[in-house]
Protein backbone atom coordinates (compact mmCIF):
# COMPACT_ATOMS: atom_id res chain seq x y z
CA UNK A 1 -0.25 -2.99 24.12
CA UNK A 2 -2.00 -5.38 21.79
CA UNK A 3 -0.75 -6.90 18.59
CA UNK A 4 -2.22 -4.21 16.33
CA UNK A 5 -0.53 -1.58 18.47
CA UNK A 6 2.70 -3.43 17.80
CA UNK A 7 1.94 -3.50 14.07
CA UNK A 8 1.38 0.27 14.05
CA UNK A 9 4.55 0.93 16.04
CA UNK A 10 6.57 -1.34 13.74
CA UNK A 11 5.10 0.29 10.63
CA UNK A 12 6.11 3.77 11.82
CA UNK A 13 9.59 2.53 12.71
CA UNK A 14 10.29 0.99 9.31
CA UNK A 15 12.83 2.99 7.36
CA UNK A 16 11.53 4.31 4.09
CA UNK A 17 12.84 1.96 1.43
CA UNK A 18 11.63 0.74 -1.91
CA UNK A 19 9.63 -1.93 -0.08
CA UNK A 20 8.10 0.51 2.43
CA UNK A 21 7.80 3.64 0.35
CA UNK A 22 4.56 4.77 2.03
CA UNK A 23 2.40 3.96 5.09
CA UNK A 24 0.39 1.34 3.17
CA UNK A 25 3.52 -0.65 2.37
CA UNK A 26 4.85 -0.17 5.91
CA UNK A 27 1.59 -1.54 7.40
CA UNK A 28 1.67 -4.56 5.07
CA UNK A 29 5.26 -5.40 6.00
CA UNK A 30 4.61 -4.94 9.73
CA UNK A 31 1.37 -6.95 9.75
CA UNK A 32 3.11 -9.84 7.97
CA UNK A 33 5.86 -9.76 10.60
CA UNK A 34 3.42 -9.78 13.55
CA UNK A 35 0.86 -12.20 12.02
CA UNK A 36 2.88 -14.50 9.75
CA UNK A 37 0.38 -17.37 10.00
CA UNK A 38 -2.97 -15.59 10.13
CA UNK A 39 -4.33 -14.19 6.91
CA UNK A 40 -7.54 -13.02 8.60
CA UNK A 41 -5.51 -10.99 11.13
CA UNK A 42 -3.43 -9.49 8.32
CA UNK A 43 -6.59 -8.42 6.48
CA UNK A 44 -8.37 -6.89 9.49
CA UNK A 45 -9.51 -3.51 8.23
CA UNK A 46 -10.29 -1.37 11.27
CA UNK A 47 -6.81 -1.14 12.80
CA UNK A 48 -5.29 -0.70 9.34
CA UNK A 49 -7.72 2.11 8.47
CA UNK A 50 -7.11 3.75 11.84
CA UNK A 51 -3.35 3.78 11.25
CA UNK A 52 -3.65 4.93 7.65
CA UNK A 53 -6.16 7.61 8.61
CA UNK A 54 -3.71 9.08 11.12
CA UNK A 55 -0.94 9.01 8.51
CA UNK A 56 -3.24 10.57 5.93
CA UNK A 57 -4.04 13.43 8.28
CA UNK A 58 -0.42 14.15 9.13
CA UNK A 59 -0.53 12.97 12.75
CA UNK A 60 2.20 10.33 12.44
CA UNK A 61 5.77 11.54 12.73
CA UNK A 62 7.68 10.79 9.54
CA UNK A 63 4.65 9.84 7.44
CA UNK A 64 3.91 11.94 4.39
CA UNK A 65 0.37 13.25 4.17
CA UNK A 66 -1.50 11.57 1.36
CA UNK A 67 -4.59 9.56 0.48
CA UNK A 68 -4.22 6.15 2.14
CA UNK A 69 -7.67 4.98 3.27
CA UNK A 70 -11.31 5.13 2.25
CA UNK A 71 -12.51 4.59 5.83
CA UNK A 72 -13.59 8.01 7.04
CA UNK A 73 -15.17 6.47 10.15
CA UNK A 74 -12.00 4.83 11.49
CA UNK A 75 -9.97 7.89 10.61
CA UNK A 76 -12.42 10.12 12.49
CA UNK A 77 -12.51 7.75 15.49
CA UNK A 78 -8.72 7.97 15.71
CA UNK A 79 -8.63 11.75 15.45
CA UNK A 80 -11.34 12.09 18.09
CA UNK A 81 -9.37 9.76 20.37
CA UNK A 82 -6.30 11.98 19.98
CA UNK A 83 -8.33 15.04 20.96
CA UNK A 84 -9.59 13.24 24.05
CA UNK A 85 -6.08 12.11 25.00
CA UNK A 86 -4.80 15.69 24.81
CA UNK A 87 -7.24 16.65 27.55
CA UNK A 88 -7.17 13.44 29.60
CA UNK A 89 -4.14 11.15 29.39
CA UNK A 90 -5.66 8.87 32.05
CA UNK A 91 -7.66 7.44 29.14
CA UNK A 92 -4.45 5.76 27.97
CA UNK A 93 -5.12 3.17 30.66
CA UNK A 94 -8.76 2.56 29.78
CA UNK A 95 -9.26 1.87 26.09
CA UNK A 96 -12.88 0.85 26.68
CA UNK A 97 -13.70 4.23 28.22
CA UNK A 98 -11.76 6.05 25.48
CA UNK A 99 -13.75 4.13 22.85
CA UNK A 100 -17.07 4.95 24.52
CA UNK A 101 -16.17 8.64 24.62
CA UNK A 102 -15.11 8.57 20.96
CA UNK A 103 -18.46 7.02 20.00
CA UNK A 104 -20.41 9.62 21.99
CA UNK A 105 -23.42 7.38 22.58
CA UNK A 106 -23.19 5.30 19.41
CA UNK A 107 -23.17 1.55 20.11
CA UNK A 108 -20.39 -0.17 18.25
CA UNK A 109 -17.83 -2.84 19.10
CA UNK A 110 -14.21 -1.75 19.24
CA UNK A 111 -12.04 -3.54 16.69
CA UNK A 112 -8.47 -2.65 17.80
CA UNK A 113 -8.76 1.01 16.76
CA UNK A 114 -7.85 2.29 20.22
CA UNK A 115 -4.96 -0.19 20.47
CA UNK A 116 -3.39 1.53 17.45
CA UNK A 117 -4.00 5.05 18.80
CA UNK A 118 -2.79 4.30 22.33
CA UNK A 119 0.32 2.46 21.17
CA UNK A 120 1.37 5.29 18.86
CA UNK A 121 0.68 7.86 21.59
CA UNK A 122 2.63 5.96 24.26
CA UNK A 123 5.60 5.57 21.93
CA UNK A 124 5.71 9.28 21.02
CA UNK A 125 4.84 8.62 17.39
CA UNK A 126 1.97 11.12 17.31
CA UNK A 127 2.67 14.72 16.35
CA UNK A 128 0.76 16.18 19.27
CA UNK A 129 1.26 19.78 18.19
CA UNK A 130 -0.99 19.02 15.19
CA UNK A 131 -3.95 18.02 17.36
């Protein structure tokens, strides 16, 4: 699991408090914990949008559905990855292949989106019955 997978896992695990009242706050707290000395890593948008897109769609256990991200692409990539994982969990061990299948022929560099999805899946933080 990569660092953004750890951020996502930490964000889901944070108890709901005044500081972490929603997934946006939880991500911000978690990313500061994992990347205390790297502002550019804390601001990286793709993994954040992937996580928030899953929360927004109701796929993350304990996260209230809501409007959390403007990135429809990263949200859709994450949802497509979940659909692929339902049918082939061997993809958990090959994020590059999972990404290529998600893109369905489109050429685009992965930017930690699959790290977020795989980490949440492996830690049973995805509501699989919703997929």
